[in-house]
N, C-alpha and C. Protein backbone atom coordinates (compact mmCIF):
# COMPACT_ATOMS: atom_id res chain seq x y z
N MET A 1 -49.10 -8.26 -0.82
CA MET A 1 -48.61 -9.17 0.05
C MET A 1 -47.22 -9.32 -0.11
N GLU A 2 -46.45 -9.33 1.01
CA GLU A 2 -44.76 -9.57 1.02
C GLU A 2 -44.76 -11.12 0.80
N PRO A 3 -43.50 -11.35 0.20
CA PRO A 3 -43.19 -12.76 0.13
C PRO A 3 -42.78 -13.07 1.33
N PHE A 4 -42.53 -14.58 1.58
CA PHE A 4 -42.09 -14.95 2.67
C PHE A 4 -41.19 -16.33 2.52
N LEU A 5 -40.74 -16.69 3.72
CA LEU A 5 -39.71 -17.71 3.60
C LEU A 5 -39.73 -18.34 5.04
N LEU A 6 -40.11 -19.52 5.22
CA LEU A 6 -40.21 -19.95 6.43
C LEU A 6 -38.82 -21.09 6.86
N PRO A 7 -38.32 -21.18 8.05
CA PRO A 7 -37.06 -21.89 8.19
C PRO A 7 -37.58 -23.48 8.33
N VAL A 8 -37.51 -24.05 6.94
CA VAL A 8 -37.57 -25.44 6.97
C VAL A 8 -36.34 -26.14 6.69
N ARG A 9 -35.43 -25.47 5.95
CA ARG A 9 -34.24 -26.15 5.77
C ARG A 9 -32.95 -25.19 6.30
N GLU A 10 -31.87 -25.78 6.69
CA GLU A 10 -30.84 -25.03 6.96
C GLU A 10 -30.09 -23.97 6.09
N ASP A 11 -30.24 -24.44 4.96
CA ASP A 11 -29.60 -23.86 3.70
C ASP A 11 -30.17 -22.85 2.95
N TYR A 12 -31.30 -22.32 3.84
CA TYR A 12 -32.12 -21.19 3.25
C TYR A 12 -31.35 -19.87 3.37
N GLY A 13 -30.28 -19.64 4.08
CA GLY A 13 -29.64 -18.50 4.46
C GLY A 13 -29.50 -17.59 3.20
N ALA A 14 -28.82 -18.25 2.10
CA ALA A 14 -28.83 -17.36 0.79
C ALA A 14 -30.10 -16.87 0.24
N PHE A 15 -30.99 -17.60 0.61
CA PHE A 15 -32.61 -17.14 0.10
C PHE A 15 -32.92 -16.01 0.98
N ARG A 16 -32.78 -16.12 2.05
CA ARG A 16 -33.03 -14.96 3.19
C ARG A 16 -32.29 -13.80 2.94
N GLU A 17 -31.12 -13.87 2.48
CA GLU A 17 -30.39 -12.66 2.08
C GLU A 17 -30.93 -12.06 0.90
N ASP A 18 -31.14 -12.76 0.03
CA ASP A 18 -31.81 -12.14 -1.13
C ASP A 18 -33.14 -11.58 -1.12
N LEU A 19 -34.02 -12.38 -0.12
CA LEU A 19 -35.42 -11.93 0.12
C LEU A 19 -35.46 -10.69 0.94
N ASP A 20 -34.90 -10.40 1.87
CA ASP A 20 -35.06 -9.32 2.74
C ASP A 20 -35.04 -8.07 2.33
N PRO A 21 -34.01 -7.70 1.30
CA PRO A 21 -34.10 -6.35 0.65
C PRO A 21 -35.10 -6.16 -0.22
N LYS A 22 -35.76 -7.37 -0.90
CA LYS A 22 -37.16 -7.30 -1.74
C LYS A 22 -38.22 -6.92 -0.76
N ILE A 23 -38.27 -7.45 0.58
CA ILE A 23 -39.40 -7.31 1.44
C ILE A 23 -39.42 -6.00 1.72
N GLN A 24 -38.26 -5.35 1.95
CA GLN A 24 -38.03 -3.84 2.28
C GLN A 24 -38.56 -2.89 1.19
N ALA A 25 -38.32 -3.21 -0.01
CA ALA A 25 -38.65 -2.43 -1.30
C ALA A 25 -40.31 -2.56 -1.22
N ILE A 26 -40.71 -3.74 -1.22
CA ILE A 26 -42.35 -3.86 -1.25
C ILE A 26 -43.06 -3.31 -0.17
N ARG A 27 -42.34 -3.11 1.15
CA ARG A 27 -42.87 -2.42 2.26
C ARG A 27 -42.95 -0.88 1.69
N GLU A 28 -41.76 -0.32 1.12
CA GLU A 28 -41.66 0.95 0.97
C GLU A 28 -42.75 1.43 -0.16
N LEU A 29 -42.79 0.40 -1.31
CA LEU A 29 -44.04 0.89 -2.24
C LEU A 29 -45.26 0.97 -1.81
N ALA A 30 -45.49 0.02 -0.72
CA ALA A 30 -47.00 -0.05 -0.38
C ALA A 30 -47.04 1.22 0.64
N ARG A 31 -46.15 1.71 1.24
CA ARG A 31 -46.57 2.83 1.97
C ARG A 31 -46.61 4.06 0.95
N GLU A 32 -45.67 4.33 0.19
CA GLU A 32 -45.59 5.33 -0.84
C GLU A 32 -46.94 5.38 -1.66
N PHE A 33 -47.55 4.04 -2.01
CA PHE A 33 -48.91 4.22 -2.84
C PHE A 33 -50.26 3.86 -1.89
N LYS A 34 -49.77 3.66 -0.70
CA LYS A 34 -50.96 3.63 0.06
C LYS A 34 -51.96 2.54 -0.09
N ALA A 35 -51.09 1.39 -0.55
CA ALA A 35 -51.55 0.17 -0.80
C ALA A 35 -51.95 -0.73 0.47
N VAL A 36 -52.92 -1.66 0.25
CA VAL A 36 -53.36 -2.61 1.09
C VAL A 36 -52.17 -3.51 1.38
N TYR A 37 -51.58 -3.65 2.40
CA TYR A 37 -50.29 -4.57 2.67
C TYR A 37 -50.29 -5.62 3.86
N VAL A 38 -49.99 -6.96 3.18
CA VAL A 38 -49.99 -7.89 4.31
C VAL A 38 -48.69 -8.51 4.42
N PRO A 39 -48.32 -8.29 5.71
CA PRO A 39 -46.88 -8.58 5.93
C PRO A 39 -46.62 -10.02 6.21
N LEU A 40 -46.72 -10.99 5.30
CA LEU A 40 -46.71 -12.29 5.60
C LEU A 40 -45.68 -12.98 6.08
N ASP A 41 -44.38 -12.26 5.78
CA ASP A 41 -43.19 -13.08 6.36
C ASP A 41 -43.31 -12.87 7.79
N GLY A 42 -43.54 -11.84 8.25
CA GLY A 42 -43.66 -11.72 9.90
C GLY A 42 -44.94 -12.41 10.41
N LEU A 43 -46.04 -12.27 9.82
CA LEU A 43 -47.31 -13.21 10.19
C LEU A 43 -46.96 -14.67 10.17
N PHE A 44 -46.30 -15.12 9.15
CA PHE A 44 -45.97 -16.62 9.05
C PHE A 44 -44.96 -16.96 10.38
N ALA A 45 -44.03 -16.19 10.57
CA ALA A 45 -42.97 -16.19 11.53
C ALA A 45 -43.87 -16.36 12.78
N ALA A 46 -44.75 -15.62 13.09
CA ALA A 46 -45.25 -15.61 14.36
C ALA A 46 -46.18 -16.94 14.46
N ALA A 47 -46.89 -17.33 13.26
CA ALA A 47 -47.73 -18.54 13.10
C ALA A 47 -46.87 -19.79 13.35
N CYS A 48 -45.47 -19.65 13.29
CA CYS A 48 -44.71 -20.83 13.55
C CYS A 48 -44.39 -21.10 14.83
N ILE A 49 -44.90 -20.26 15.79
CA ILE A 49 -44.66 -20.51 17.08
C ILE A 49 -45.79 -21.55 17.77
N GLU A 50 -46.91 -21.43 16.79
CA GLU A 50 -48.03 -22.58 17.25
C GLU A 50 -47.81 -23.74 16.45
N ASN A 51 -47.62 -23.75 15.32
CA ASN A 51 -47.30 -24.92 14.33
C ASN A 51 -45.91 -24.89 13.66
N ALA A 52 -45.19 -25.95 13.30
CA ALA A 52 -43.97 -26.18 12.68
C ALA A 52 -44.32 -25.47 11.28
N PRO A 53 -43.15 -24.91 10.65
CA PRO A 53 -43.08 -24.16 9.45
C PRO A 53 -43.54 -25.13 8.32
N GLU A 54 -43.36 -26.26 8.33
CA GLU A 54 -43.87 -27.35 7.40
C GLU A 54 -45.29 -27.42 7.20
N PHE A 55 -46.04 -27.27 8.57
CA PHE A 55 -47.55 -27.06 8.34
C PHE A 55 -48.05 -26.00 7.55
N TRP A 56 -47.51 -24.86 7.41
CA TRP A 56 -47.59 -23.90 6.66
C TRP A 56 -47.17 -24.03 5.29
N ALA A 57 -45.85 -24.23 5.02
CA ALA A 57 -45.30 -24.42 3.64
C ALA A 57 -44.37 -25.47 3.72
N TYR A 58 -44.65 -26.61 2.91
CA TYR A 58 -43.98 -27.81 3.23
C TYR A 58 -42.41 -27.60 2.96
N ASP A 59 -42.01 -26.83 2.09
CA ASP A 59 -40.70 -26.71 1.81
C ASP A 59 -40.18 -25.10 2.01
N GLY A 60 -41.21 -24.43 2.96
CA GLY A 60 -40.77 -23.06 3.45
C GLY A 60 -41.12 -21.99 2.35
N ILE A 61 -41.55 -22.54 1.15
CA ILE A 61 -41.79 -21.47 0.04
C ILE A 61 -43.28 -21.67 -0.30
N HIS A 62 -43.62 -22.84 -0.68
CA HIS A 62 -44.90 -23.09 -1.32
C HIS A 62 -45.82 -23.63 -0.44
N PRO A 63 -46.99 -22.64 -0.17
CA PRO A 63 -47.83 -23.18 0.85
C PRO A 63 -48.71 -24.16 0.82
N THR A 64 -48.88 -25.03 2.05
CA THR A 64 -49.87 -25.97 2.01
C THR A 64 -51.18 -25.64 2.02
N ALA A 65 -52.41 -26.40 2.17
CA ALA A 65 -53.63 -26.04 2.03
C ALA A 65 -53.75 -25.03 3.31
N GLU A 66 -53.15 -25.38 4.64
CA GLU A 66 -53.44 -24.55 5.67
C GLU A 66 -52.63 -23.24 5.52
N GLY A 67 -51.62 -23.14 4.86
CA GLY A 67 -50.89 -21.98 4.43
C GLY A 67 -51.85 -20.95 3.68
N HIS A 68 -52.42 -21.68 2.48
CA HIS A 68 -53.07 -20.81 1.52
C HIS A 68 -54.35 -20.33 2.34
N SER A 69 -54.91 -21.13 3.31
CA SER A 69 -56.13 -20.52 4.11
C SER A 69 -55.63 -19.54 4.88
N PHE A 70 -54.30 -19.56 5.54
CA PHE A 70 -53.82 -18.37 6.44
C PHE A 70 -53.74 -17.18 5.56
N ILE A 71 -53.08 -17.32 4.24
CA ILE A 71 -53.10 -16.31 3.45
C ILE A 71 -54.30 -15.30 3.27
N ALA A 72 -55.22 -16.28 2.79
CA ALA A 72 -56.60 -15.79 2.47
C ALA A 72 -57.02 -15.13 3.70
N LYS A 73 -57.08 -15.52 4.75
CA LYS A 73 -57.75 -14.90 6.01
C LYS A 73 -56.82 -13.50 6.39
N GLU A 74 -55.38 -13.74 6.17
CA GLU A 74 -54.91 -12.36 6.47
C GLU A 74 -55.12 -11.32 5.21
N TRP A 75 -55.38 -11.52 4.13
CA TRP A 75 -55.73 -10.80 2.98
C TRP A 75 -56.97 -10.05 3.45
N LEU A 76 -58.02 -10.96 3.68
CA LEU A 76 -59.36 -10.45 4.22
C LEU A 76 -59.33 -9.38 5.28
N LYS A 77 -58.59 -9.81 6.26
CA LYS A 77 -58.25 -8.98 7.37
C LYS A 77 -57.75 -7.55 6.96
N ALA A 78 -56.53 -7.51 6.03
CA ALA A 78 -55.81 -6.43 5.67
C ALA A 78 -56.91 -5.54 4.77
N ALA A 79 -57.87 -6.20 4.08
CA ALA A 79 -58.61 -5.27 2.98
C ALA A 79 -59.90 -4.88 3.87
N GLY A 80 -59.97 -5.39 5.15
CA GLY A 80 -61.19 -4.80 5.85
C GLY A 80 -62.24 -5.66 5.64
N VAL A 81 -62.32 -6.85 5.17
CA VAL A 81 -63.58 -7.59 4.83
C VAL A 81 -63.79 -8.45 5.97
């Protein structure tokens, strides 16, 4: 699963700059090793269209109960369960 950052605070720009190259590296590793991959950053970005980012992760990083449920469902889908 890739790490994610939701736009809860305006000062997360530096976090995003640090995180994006790490997400790219994880994607490359998943491809190289043919691993099950869950693109959480993109999935959460899409989910934020329906619900505010704080609904999924109160601080943009640590998931709420709803965020944990979302992650679990996406993992199960990606794993083919």
